[in-house]
Protein backbone atom coordinates (compact mmCIF):
# COMPACT_ATOMS: atom_id res chain seq x y z
CA ARG A 1 17.38 -8.47 -8.33
CA SER A 2 20.78 -8.64 -6.70
CA ALA A 3 22.33 -7.43 -9.97
CA PHE A 4 24.36 -4.61 -8.49
CA GLU A 5 26.81 -4.14 -5.57
CA SER A 6 24.89 -2.23 -2.97
CA SER A 7 27.16 0.81 -3.25
CA MET A 8 26.55 0.94 -6.98
CA MET A 9 22.87 0.58 -7.30
CA GLN A 10 22.00 4.18 -7.72
CA THR A 11 24.49 4.78 -10.40
CA SER A 12 23.54 1.51 -12.16
CA LEU A 13 19.93 2.45 -12.32
CA GLN A 14 20.92 5.60 -14.11
CA GLY A 15 22.10 3.42 -16.92
CA LEU A 16 18.54 2.31 -17.58
CA ALA A 17 17.55 5.73 -19.04
CA GLY A 18 15.52 5.46 -22.16
CA LEU A 19 14.17 1.94 -21.39
CA GLN A 20 10.58 1.14 -22.27
CA VAL A 21 9.48 -1.95 -20.42
CA SER A 22 6.10 -3.46 -19.16
CA ARG A 23 7.54 -4.44 -15.73
CA LEU A 24 10.76 -3.47 -13.86
CA ILE A 25 11.74 -5.31 -10.67
CA VAL A 26 14.45 -3.71 -8.45
CA GLY A 27 15.89 -5.09 -5.17
CA VAL A 28 17.62 -8.22 -3.87
CA PHE A 29 16.70 -11.84 -3.35
CA SER A 30 15.34 -12.61 0.12
CA ASP A 31 18.10 -15.00 1.03
CA HIS A 32 20.84 -12.48 0.36
CA ASP A 33 22.28 -10.19 3.18
CA ARG A 34 20.29 -6.95 2.96
CA GLN A 35 23.18 -4.58 2.76
CA GLN A 36 21.16 -2.23 0.49
CA ASP A 37 19.11 0.39 2.45
CA PHE A 38 16.89 2.94 0.71
CA GLU A 39 18.67 6.20 0.51
CA ARG A 40 17.67 9.51 -0.84
CA GLY A 41 17.75 9.58 -4.64
CA LEU A 42 18.22 5.84 -4.93
CA LEU A 43 15.65 5.73 -7.83
CA ASP A 44 16.48 8.94 -9.62
CA GLY A 45 17.68 6.98 -12.59
CA LEU A 46 14.15 5.71 -13.18
CA CYS A 47 12.76 9.22 -14.12
CA GLN A 48 13.80 8.48 -17.78
CA VAL A 49 12.28 4.94 -17.86
CA GLN A 50 8.91 4.26 -19.25
CA MET A 51 7.09 1.34 -17.50
CA GLU A 52 3.70 0.03 -16.71
CA GLU A 53 4.57 -1.74 -13.46
CA PHE A 54 7.42 -1.23 -10.87
CA VAL A 55 8.32 -3.67 -8.17
CA LEU A 56 10.64 -2.73 -5.32
CA ILE A 57 11.57 -5.78 -3.28
CA CYS A 58 13.56 -6.93 -0.28
CA LEU A 59 15.35 -3.74 0.73
CA GLY A 60 16.49 -2.85 4.18
CA ASP A 61 15.91 0.29 6.28
CA PHE A 62 14.21 3.48 5.16
CA GLU A 63 15.28 5.38 8.19
CA ASP A 64 16.80 8.49 6.93
CA ASP A 65 14.53 9.92 4.26
CA THR A 66 11.97 8.12 2.17
CA ASP A 67 10.56 11.24 0.50
CA THR A 68 12.03 10.43 -2.80
CA LEU A 69 10.45 6.88 -3.15
CA PHE A 70 7.69 8.02 -5.59
CA ASP A 71 9.48 10.95 -7.30
CA CYS A 72 10.36 9.01 -10.45
CA VAL A 73 7.63 6.36 -10.38
CA GLY A 74 4.61 8.52 -9.73
CA ASN A 75 3.34 8.03 -13.20
CA VAL A 76 3.65 4.21 -13.21
CA SER A 77 0.19 2.61 -13.41
CA THR A 78 1.00 -0.20 -10.96
CA ILE A 79 3.54 -0.31 -8.04
CA ARG A 80 4.42 -3.12 -5.75
CA LEU A 81 6.40 -2.63 -2.64
CA VAL A 82 7.29 -6.02 -1.14
CA ASP A 83 9.24 -7.14 1.93
CA LEU A 84 10.68 -3.65 2.73
CA GLY A 85 11.67 -1.88 5.91
CA LEU A 86 9.23 0.90 4.99
CA GLU A 87 7.48 2.29 8.07
CA GLN A 88 5.55 5.15 6.42
CA ILE A 89 4.35 6.18 3.04
CA SER A 90 6.71 8.71 1.31
CA GLN A 91 5.66 12.04 -0.11
CA VAL A 92 3.11 11.51 -3.01
CA PRO A 93 3.81 13.63 -6.14
CA VAL A 94 0.98 15.92 -7.34
CA GLY A 95 -0.85 14.49 -10.20
CA SER A 96 0.13 10.89 -9.57
CA LYS A 97 -1.16 8.32 -12.03
CA VAL A 98 -0.81 5.24 -9.81
CA LYS A 99 -3.91 3.06 -10.19
CA GLN A 100 -2.79 -0.06 -8.36
CA LEU A 101 -0.68 -0.07 -5.32
CA GLU A 102 0.50 -2.98 -3.18
CA CYS A 103 2.44 -2.91 0.13
CA LYS A 104 3.26 -6.47 1.16
CA LYS A 105 5.43 -7.38 4.16
CA CYS A 106 6.27 -3.79 4.99
CA SER A 107 6.62 -2.27 8.45
CA PHE A 108 3.61 -0.03 8.95
CA ASP A 109 2.07 0.09 12.39
CA ASP A 110 -1.02 2.12 11.36
CA VAL A 111 -2.76 2.06 8.07
CA PRO A 112 -1.31 5.10 6.31
CA ALA A 113 -4.62 6.23 4.90
CA MET A 114 -3.87 10.04 4.90
CA LYS A 115 -0.91 9.73 2.57
CA LEU A 116 -2.49 7.05 0.35
CA SER A 117 -5.51 9.39 -0.10
CA LEU A 118 -3.21 11.54 -2.12
CA PHE A 119 -3.19 8.86 -4.93
CA LYS A 120 -6.23 10.33 -6.54
CA GLU A 121 -6.30 7.78 -9.44
CA LEU A 122 -6.08 4.82 -7.16
CA ARG A 123 -8.42 2.05 -8.01
CA VAL A 124 -6.93 -1.04 -6.22
CA LEU A 125 -5.03 -0.97 -2.80
CA ARG A 126 -3.54 -3.97 -1.17
CA ILE A 127 -1.75 -3.85 2.24
CA THR A 128 -1.22 -7.38 3.36
CA LYS A 129 1.02 -9.54 5.52
CA ASN A 130 2.37 -6.67 7.61
CA ARG A 131 3.06 -8.18 11.05
CA SER A 132 3.35 -4.80 12.79
CA LEU A 133 0.18 -3.35 11.39
CA LYS A 134 -2.14 -3.26 14.27
CA THR A 135 -4.13 0.06 14.16
CA PHE A 136 -6.48 1.79 11.71
CA GLU A 137 -6.87 5.29 13.05
CA GLN A 138 -6.45 7.29 9.96
CA LYS A 139 -9.23 7.85 7.36
CA PHE A 140 -9.35 7.30 3.58
CA GLU A 141 -10.80 10.42 1.94
CA GLY A 142 -11.64 11.57 -1.57
CA LEU A 143 -10.75 8.50 -3.43
CA SER A 144 -13.49 8.55 -5.97
CA ASN A 145 -11.99 5.85 -8.24
CA LEU A 146 -11.15 3.41 -5.48
CA GLU A 147 -12.88 0.06 -5.96
CA VAL A 148 -10.80 -2.51 -4.12
CA ILE A 149 -9.09 -2.47 -0.78
CA ASP A 150 -7.40 -5.66 0.60
CA LEU A 151 -6.10 -5.25 4.19
CA SER A 152 -5.99 -8.97 4.88
CA GLU A 153 -3.33 -11.00 6.82
CA ASN A 154 -2.30 -8.16 9.17
CA ARG A 155 -2.92 -7.86 12.89
CA LEU A 156 -5.50 -5.04 12.77
CA THR A 157 -7.62 -4.17 15.83
CA PHE A 158 -10.08 -1.35 15.46
CA SER A 159 -13.68 -0.31 16.14
CA ARG A 160 -16.55 1.57 14.28
CA CYS A 161 -16.28 -0.49 11.17
CA CYS A 162 -16.96 0.17 8.44
CA SER A 163 -18.18 3.64 7.46
CA PRO A 164 -15.90 6.17 9.27
CA GLN A 165 -12.73 4.78 7.72
CA PHE A 166 -13.82 5.72 4.20
CA ARG A 167 -14.99 9.31 3.39
CA ASN A 168 -16.05 10.20 -0.13
CA CYS A 169 -14.96 6.79 -1.53
CA PRO A 170 -18.32 6.08 -3.30
CA ASN A 171 -17.15 3.38 -5.66
CA LEU A 172 -15.60 0.99 -3.08
CA LYS A 173 -16.92 -2.36 -4.01
CA HIS A 174 -14.52 -4.94 -2.62
CA LEU A 175 -13.33 -4.76 1.08
CA ASN A 176 -11.10 -7.62 2.38
CA LEU A 177 -10.43 -7.53 6.22
CA SER A 178 -9.87 -11.27 6.64
CA PHE A 179 -7.16 -12.85 8.76
CA ASN A 180 -6.89 -9.83 11.21
CA SER A 181 -7.17 -9.69 14.97
CA TYR A 182 -10.29 -7.83 16.38
CA ILE A 183 -12.90 -5.63 14.62
CA ARG A 184 -15.98 -4.14 16.19
CA LEU A 185 -18.89 -3.54 13.70
CA THR A 186 -21.46 -0.69 14.25
CA GLY A 187 -23.76 -1.44 11.46
CA ASP A 188 -22.94 1.82 9.83
CA PHE A 189 -22.16 1.35 6.18
CA ASN A 190 -23.32 4.67 4.72
CA ASN A 191 -19.98 5.56 3.17
CA VAL A 192 -19.52 2.27 1.62
CA GLU A 193 -23.09 1.54 0.46
CA ASN A 194 -21.98 0.24 -2.83
CA LEU A 195 -19.95 -2.64 -1.43
CA LEU A 196 -20.47 -5.89 -3.33
CA TYR A 197 -17.88 -8.05 -1.33
CA LEU A 198 -17.05 -7.99 2.26
CA ASP A 199 -14.62 -10.55 3.77
CA PHE A 200 -14.06 -11.01 7.41
CA GLN A 201 -12.77 -14.63 7.42
CA HIS A 202 -10.64 -15.77 10.37
CA THR A 203 -11.12 -12.31 12.04
CA THR A 204 -12.80 -12.05 15.50
CA LEU A 205 -15.82 -9.75 15.19
CA PHE A 206 -17.68 -7.91 17.96
CA GLY A 207 -21.29 -6.75 17.28
CA PRO A 208 -22.96 -9.50 15.21
CA GLY A 209 -25.44 -11.32 17.36
CA SER A 210 -26.23 -8.56 19.74
CA TYR A 211 -27.75 -6.32 17.10
CA PRO A 212 -28.26 -6.42 13.35
CA VAL A 213 -25.06 -4.92 12.00
CA PHE A 214 -25.72 -6.12 8.58
CA LEU A 215 -29.20 -4.77 8.31
CA SER A 216 -28.11 -2.37 5.46
């Protein structure tokens, strides 16, 4: 973190070719001026790096083109994107091996479920502390390995919870929607019938009390 001049980060990362490491953290410290934006090909040097976990932290804007974000880290088991100006999920490489993905303090305004559904090996997904994240209109689909979704500490407001949001996600066991804004429950849990843990702490709920939404 903060190891390179902003203009030299792309070139410097190419010097890591051949590295084998359990975790690689790239970015700056939060108290530094964020002069480093994400630009096309920034992480190209990581294509020759073998790692189990990749952390990208405290970068600025992703305005121009984010489609190369996962190009060289698509085979990493765990990816953490922390405190980034990331407004949408980049193109997901075919055959991605990512099993755990965390997006913390990013800039989403809608849960990017369609793009995330392309991570077919995904088991754990955490999207937390996104102040601009208010809607959940897209649907997760075809994530047969997905077991944990944590959408806590956002500002989500949505209705028809909780079956329509998860299509063909039969192994979902842990769903955390705590510390959000307003969620309307329908009592339909058909698509998530294997849930073992459901957390709504500090989220205003509509539905319970008027009819038995937890009957199933």
